Amino acid sequence: MWVYILKCSDKSYYTGVTNNLERRIAEHQGCAHDGYTSVRLPVELVFSQEINNPLDAIAAEKQIKGWSRAKKEALIRSDFNLLHELAECKNKSNYKNKK
């Protein structure tokens, strides 16, 4: 399974999961399905990661979809230090809100 991020023509990001990355990207580019990317063409693949376990791939997709733009861009750039910092900032914010 693959988790992937597309950059759309409007500069937004689309996160998905598939078992065939090449086919799925072609489907996005060819408007095979009506949806988010079909009105934001062309799209560009900016991140992909193969994950062997389908349940883990789906969980990763859901997690990334919930991330801020900054976090997604850190992942795209493989900037794991910034990704960690952004996660810590969110955790500190959540802790303050629970007090």
C-alpha atoms as a PDB file:
ATOM      1  CA  MET A   1       0.000   0.000   0.000  1.00  0.00           C
ATOM      2  CA  TRP A   2       1.067   3.568  -0.628  1.00  0.00           C
ATOM      3  CA  VAL A   3       0.280   6.762   1.259  1.00  0.00           C
ATOM      4  CA  TYR A   4       0.731   9.791  -0.965  1.00  0.00           C
ATOM      5  CA  ILE A   5       0.368  13.552  -1.065  1.00  0.00           C
ATOM      6  CA  LEU A   6      -0.506  15.495  -4.205  1.00  0.00           C
ATOM      7  CA  LYS A   7      -0.004  19.216  -4.666  1.00  0.00           C
ATOM      8  CA  CYS A   8      -2.946  20.611  -6.591  1.00  0.00           C
ATOM      9  CA  SER A   9      -2.960  23.531  -9.026  1.00  0.00           C
ATOM     10  CA  ASP A  10      -4.465  25.774  -6.320  1.00  0.00           C
ATOM     11  CA  LYS A  11      -1.462  24.896  -4.064  1.00  0.00           C
ATOM     12  CA  SER A  12      -3.610  22.799  -1.719  1.00  0.00           C
ATOM     13  CA  TYR A  13      -2.610  19.274  -0.723  1.00  0.00           C
ATOM     14  CA  TYR A  14      -4.538  16.057  -1.176  1.00  0.00           C
ATOM     15  CA  THR A  15      -3.606  12.965   0.842  1.00  0.00           C
ATOM     16  CA  GLY A  16      -4.629   9.490  -0.240  1.00  0.00           C
ATOM     17  CA  VAL A  17      -3.872   5.784   0.019  1.00  0.00           C
ATOM     18  CA  THR A  18      -3.734   3.195  -2.754  1.00  0.00           C
ATOM     19  CA  ASN A  19      -2.396  -0.225  -3.620  1.00  0.00           C
ATOM     20  CA  ASN A  20      -1.217   0.964  -7.071  1.00  0.00           C
ATOM     21  CA  LEU A  21       0.430   4.386  -6.992  1.00  0.00           C
ATOM     22  CA  GLU A  22       1.011   4.816 -10.740  1.00  0.00           C
ATOM     23  CA  ARG A  23      -2.577   3.893 -11.606  1.00  0.00           C
ATOM     24  CA  ARG A  24      -4.012   6.127  -8.893  1.00  0.00           C
ATOM     25  CA  ILE A  25      -1.991   9.172  -9.971  1.00  0.00           C
ATOM     26  CA  ALA A  26      -3.133   8.576 -13.577  1.00  0.00           C
ATOM     27  CA  GLU A  27      -6.723   8.401 -12.326  1.00  0.00           C
ATOM     28  CA  HIS A  28      -6.297  11.760 -10.568  1.00  0.00           C
ATOM     29  CA  GLN A  29      -4.736  13.353 -13.663  1.00  0.00           C
ATOM     30  CA  GLY A  30      -7.344  11.861 -15.990  1.00  0.00           C
ATOM     31  CA  CYS A  31     -10.388  12.865 -13.916  1.00  0.00           C
ATOM     32  CA  ALA A  32     -11.397   9.207 -13.537  1.00  0.00           C
ATOM     33  CA  HIS A  33     -13.395  10.196 -10.440  1.00  0.00           C
ATOM     34  CA  ASP A  34     -15.241  13.364  -9.526  1.00  0.00           C
ATOM     35  CA  GLY A  35     -13.817  14.772  -6.367  1.00  0.00           C
ATOM     36  CA  TYR A  36     -11.363  17.120  -4.742  1.00  0.00           C
ATOM     37  CA  THR A  37      -8.570  16.840  -7.284  1.00  0.00           C
ATOM     38  CA  SER A  38     -10.748  16.743 -10.406  1.00  0.00           C
ATOM     39  CA  VAL A  39     -11.358  20.505 -10.161  1.00  0.00           C
ATOM     40  CA  ARG A  40      -7.765  21.306  -9.113  1.00  0.00           C
ATOM     41  CA  LEU A  41      -5.780  19.868 -12.024  1.00  0.00           C
ATOM     42  CA  PRO A  42      -3.028  19.387 -12.761  1.00  0.00           C
ATOM     43  CA  VAL A  43      -1.756  17.617  -9.663  1.00  0.00           C
ATOM     44  CA  GLU A  44       1.834  16.777  -8.770  1.00  0.00           C
ATOM     45  CA  LEU A  45       2.986  13.871  -6.620  1.00  0.00           C
ATOM     46  CA  VAL A  46       5.106  15.434  -3.871  1.00  0.00           C
ATOM     47  CA  PHE A  47       5.303  12.599  -1.339  1.00  0.00           C
ATOM     48  CA  SER A  48       4.806   8.850  -1.278  1.00  0.00           C
ATOM     49  CA  GLN A  49       5.643   6.136   1.196  1.00  0.00           C
ATOM     50  CA  GLU A  50       5.119   2.419   0.836  1.00  0.00           C
ATOM     51  CA  ILE A  51       3.573   0.780   3.908  1.00  0.00           C
ATOM     52  CA  ASN A  52       3.185  -2.997   3.877  1.00  0.00           C
ATOM     53  CA  ASN A  53       0.257  -3.313   6.270  1.00  0.00           C
ATOM     54  CA  PRO A  54      -2.992  -1.896   4.763  1.00  0.00           C
ATOM     55  CA  LEU A  55      -4.372  -0.919   8.182  1.00  0.00           C
ATOM     56  CA  ASP A  56      -1.173   1.003   8.968  1.00  0.00           C
ATOM     57  CA  ALA A  57      -1.376   2.737   5.577  1.00  0.00           C
ATOM     58  CA  ILE A  58      -4.962   3.840   6.221  1.00  0.00           C
ATOM     59  CA  ALA A  59      -4.021   5.033   9.716  1.00  0.00           C
ATOM     60  CA  ALA A  60      -1.104   7.048   8.289  1.00  0.00           C
ATOM     61  CA  GLU A  61      -3.399   8.632   5.681  1.00  0.00           C
ATOM     62  CA  LYS A  62      -5.884   9.681   8.364  1.00  0.00           C
ATOM     63  CA  GLN A  63      -3.102  11.067  10.545  1.00  0.00           C
ATOM     64  CA  ILE A  64      -1.556  13.119   7.724  1.00  0.00           C
ATOM     65  CA  LYS A  65      -4.976  14.450   6.671  1.00  0.00           C
ATOM     66  CA  GLY A  66      -5.329  15.916  10.172  1.00  0.00           C
ATOM     67  CA  TRP A  67      -1.983  17.705  10.030  1.00  0.00           C
ATOM     68  CA  SER A  68      -1.423  21.389   9.431  1.00  0.00           C
ATOM     69  CA  ARG A  69      -0.031  22.600   6.121  1.00  0.00           C
ATOM     70  CA  ALA A  70       3.317  23.276   7.837  1.00  0.00           C
ATOM     71  CA  LYS A  71       3.537  19.701   9.081  1.00  0.00           C
ATOM     72  CA  LYS A  72       2.667  18.279   5.664  1.00  0.00           C
ATOM     73  CA  GLU A  73       5.329  20.458   4.061  1.00  0.00           C
ATOM     74  CA  ALA A  74       7.918  19.314   6.615  1.00  0.00           C
ATOM     75  CA  LEU A  75       7.070  15.702   5.733  1.00  0.00           C
ATOM     76  CA  ILE A  76       7.295  16.460   2.001  1.00  0.00           C
ATOM     77  CA  ARG A  77      10.765  17.977   2.542  1.00  0.00           C
ATOM     78  CA  SER A  78      11.770  15.095   4.856  1.00  0.00           C
ATOM     79  CA  ASP A  79      12.477  17.704   7.534  1.00  0.00           C
ATOM     80  CA  PHE A  80      11.958  15.366  10.473  1.00  0.00           C
ATOM     81  CA  ASN A  81      13.393  17.817  13.005  1.00  0.00           C
ATOM     82  CA  LEU A  82      10.749  20.411  12.103  1.00  0.00           C
ATOM     83  CA  LEU A  83       8.081  17.724  11.987  1.00  0.00           C
ATOM     84  CA  HIS A  84       9.018  16.741  15.540  1.00  0.00           C
ATOM     85  CA  GLU A  85       9.014  20.395  16.685  1.00  0.00           C
ATOM     86  CA  LEU A  86       5.575  20.988  15.167  1.00  0.00           C
ATOM     87  CA  ALA A  87       4.249  17.892  16.908  1.00  0.00           C
ATOM     88  CA  GLU A  88       5.676  19.095  20.230  1.00  0.00           C
ATOM     89  CA  CYS A  89       4.075  22.529  19.770  1.00  0.00           C
ATOM     90  CA  LYS A  90       0.687  20.915  19.224  1.00  0.00           C
ATOM     91  CA  ASN A  91       1.125  18.621  22.227  1.00  0.00           C
ATOM     92  CA  LYS A  92       2.025  21.594  24.454  1.00  0.00           C
ATOM     93  CA  SER A  93      -1.002  23.509  23.149  1.00  0.00           C
ATOM     94  CA  ASN A  94      -3.299  20.557  23.848  1.00  0.00           C
ATOM     95  CA  TYR A  95      -1.863  20.236  27.361  1.00  0.00           C
ATOM     96  CA  LYS A  96      -2.499  23.932  28.114  1.00  0.00           C
ATOM     97  CA  ASN A  97      -6.069  23.663  26.847  1.00  0.00           C
ATOM     98  CA  LYS A  98      -6.792  20.697  29.131  1.00  0.00           C
ATOM     99  CA  LYS A  99      -5.682  22.509  32.313  1.00  0.00           C
END
